[in-house]
């Protein structure tokens, strides 16, 4: 009876671990963000883009994300528009990345960032 219980607990633990790893890897691969376009400038302010990237680079359980993120320009609401951003980490390490608009629809844009360059 104890052996059967131990095997059952091991199987449940393995399934939970596999599900967590799958969800975590999907979260890390998904670099999309959607923001509302500022009506008068037809852009998303660079601070909004930086906040979104900072939120994505910070893991929900382990807060090892960047100290701050800065972007050079507002992101225009034009498919293919780009801006450069820099993630600043605690140990004085800066990582550059490119942010690109992939979709513009109904007053919102969807944009992606590449992995921070080392």
Protein backbone atom coordinates (compact mmCIF):
# COMPACT_ATOMS: atom_id res chain seq x y z
CA UNK A 1 0.00 0.00 0.00
CA UNK A 2 2.80 2.43 0.90
CA UNK A 3 4.61 1.65 -2.35
CA UNK A 4 1.48 2.37 -4.36
CA UNK A 5 1.00 5.67 -2.52
CA UNK A 6 4.65 6.67 -3.10
CA UNK A 7 4.37 5.84 -6.82
CA UNK A 8 1.17 7.89 -7.08
CA UNK A 9 2.73 10.89 -5.33
CA UNK A 10 5.80 10.65 -7.57
CA UNK A 11 3.64 10.60 -10.70
CA UNK A 12 1.59 13.59 -9.54
CA UNK A 13 4.76 15.54 -8.67
CA UNK A 14 6.31 14.74 -12.04
CA UNK A 15 3.17 15.86 -13.87
CA UNK A 16 3.05 19.13 -11.93
CA UNK A 17 6.72 19.82 -12.61
CA UNK A 18 6.32 19.09 -16.34
CA UNK A 19 3.30 21.39 -16.55
CA UNK A 20 5.12 24.18 -14.74
CA UNK A 21 8.15 23.90 -17.02
CA UNK A 22 5.95 23.94 -20.12
CA UNK A 23 4.05 27.01 -18.95
CA UNK A 24 7.27 28.78 -17.95
CA UNK A 25 9.00 28.12 -21.25
CA UNK A 26 5.94 29.37 -23.15
CA UNK A 27 5.90 32.52 -21.00
CA UNK A 28 9.59 33.16 -21.74
CA UNK A 29 9.13 32.57 -25.51
CA UNK A 30 6.11 34.87 -25.75
CA UNK A 31 7.53 38.35 -26.22
CA UNK A 32 4.34 40.01 -27.46
CA UNK A 33 2.82 43.05 -25.81
CA UNK A 34 -0.21 45.11 -26.78
CA UNK A 35 -0.64 48.77 -25.87
CA UNK A 36 -3.13 51.49 -26.68
CA UNK A 37 -1.98 54.10 -29.18
CA UNK A 38 -1.88 57.72 -27.98
CA UNK A 39 -4.43 59.40 -30.26
CA UNK A 40 -2.73 62.76 -30.80
CA UNK A 41 0.76 61.41 -31.56
CA UNK A 42 -0.22 58.03 -33.11
CA UNK A 43 2.45 56.36 -30.99
CA UNK A 44 2.90 54.34 -27.82
CA UNK A 45 5.03 56.38 -25.41
CA UNK A 46 8.51 54.98 -24.86
CA UNK A 47 7.87 54.77 -21.10
CA UNK A 48 4.92 52.42 -21.73
CA UNK A 49 7.07 50.26 -24.02
CA UNK A 50 9.86 50.21 -21.41
CA UNK A 51 7.44 49.27 -18.60
CA UNK A 52 6.01 46.43 -20.67
CA UNK A 53 9.46 45.03 -21.46
CA UNK A 54 10.58 45.36 -17.85
CA UNK A 55 7.48 43.46 -16.69
CA UNK A 56 8.19 40.69 -19.20
CA UNK A 57 11.86 40.34 -18.29
CA UNK A 58 11.01 40.03 -14.57
CA UNK A 59 10.04 36.49 -13.66
CA UNK A 60 6.84 36.27 -11.61
CA UNK A 61 8.42 34.18 -8.82
CA UNK A 62 12.10 35.17 -8.95
CA UNK A 63 12.58 38.95 -9.19
CA UNK A 64 15.84 38.95 -11.16
CA UNK A 65 14.66 41.26 -13.91
CA UNK A 66 16.21 44.53 -14.91
CA UNK A 67 16.51 47.47 -12.52
CA UNK A 68 15.10 49.65 -15.28
CA UNK A 69 14.50 49.75 -19.04
CA UNK A 70 14.95 52.79 -21.27
CA UNK A 71 13.78 53.14 -24.88
CA UNK A 72 15.16 55.69 -27.33
CA UNK A 73 11.88 56.73 -29.03
CA UNK A 74 8.12 56.39 -28.83
CA UNK A 75 6.87 53.45 -30.89
CA UNK A 76 4.98 54.57 -33.99
CA UNK A 77 1.71 52.82 -34.86
CA UNK A 78 3.05 51.50 -38.17
CA UNK A 79 3.68 47.80 -38.84
CA UNK A 80 7.44 47.27 -38.91
CA UNK A 81 8.28 50.42 -36.91
CA UNK A 82 11.20 49.88 -34.51
CA UNK A 83 12.87 51.40 -31.49
CA UNK A 84 15.92 50.40 -29.45
CA UNK A 85 15.68 49.71 -25.74
CA UNK A 86 18.27 49.00 -23.06
CA UNK A 87 17.66 46.87 -19.96
CA UNK A 88 19.81 47.97 -16.99
CA UNK A 89 20.57 45.18 -14.48
CA UNK A 90 21.77 45.51 -10.87
CA UNK A 91 25.36 44.48 -11.48
CA UNK A 92 25.89 47.34 -13.92
CA UNK A 93 25.19 45.18 -16.93
CA UNK A 94 23.25 46.73 -19.78
CA UNK A 95 21.49 44.67 -22.46
CA UNK A 96 20.27 46.21 -25.73
CA UNK A 97 17.26 44.96 -27.66
CA UNK A 98 15.09 45.93 -30.60
CA UNK A 99 11.32 46.40 -30.30
CA UNK A 100 9.26 46.00 -33.48
CA UNK A 101 5.56 46.58 -34.26
CA UNK A 102 3.94 43.43 -35.66
CA UNK A 103 0.27 44.50 -35.78
CA UNK A 104 -1.79 47.68 -35.71
CA UNK A 105 -5.52 47.30 -35.10
CA UNK A 106 -8.35 49.33 -33.55
CA UNK A 107 -6.23 51.88 -31.72
CA UNK A 108 -3.80 49.29 -30.36
CA UNK A 109 -0.45 47.99 -31.49
CA UNK A 110 1.16 44.66 -30.81
CA UNK A 111 4.92 44.68 -30.60
CA UNK A 112 7.67 42.18 -29.86
CA UNK A 113 11.17 42.50 -28.50
CA UNK A 114 14.11 40.30 -29.28
CA UNK A 115 16.14 38.70 -26.52
CA UNK A 116 18.46 41.15 -24.76
CA UNK A 117 21.83 41.21 -26.54
CA UNK A 118 24.88 40.36 -24.43
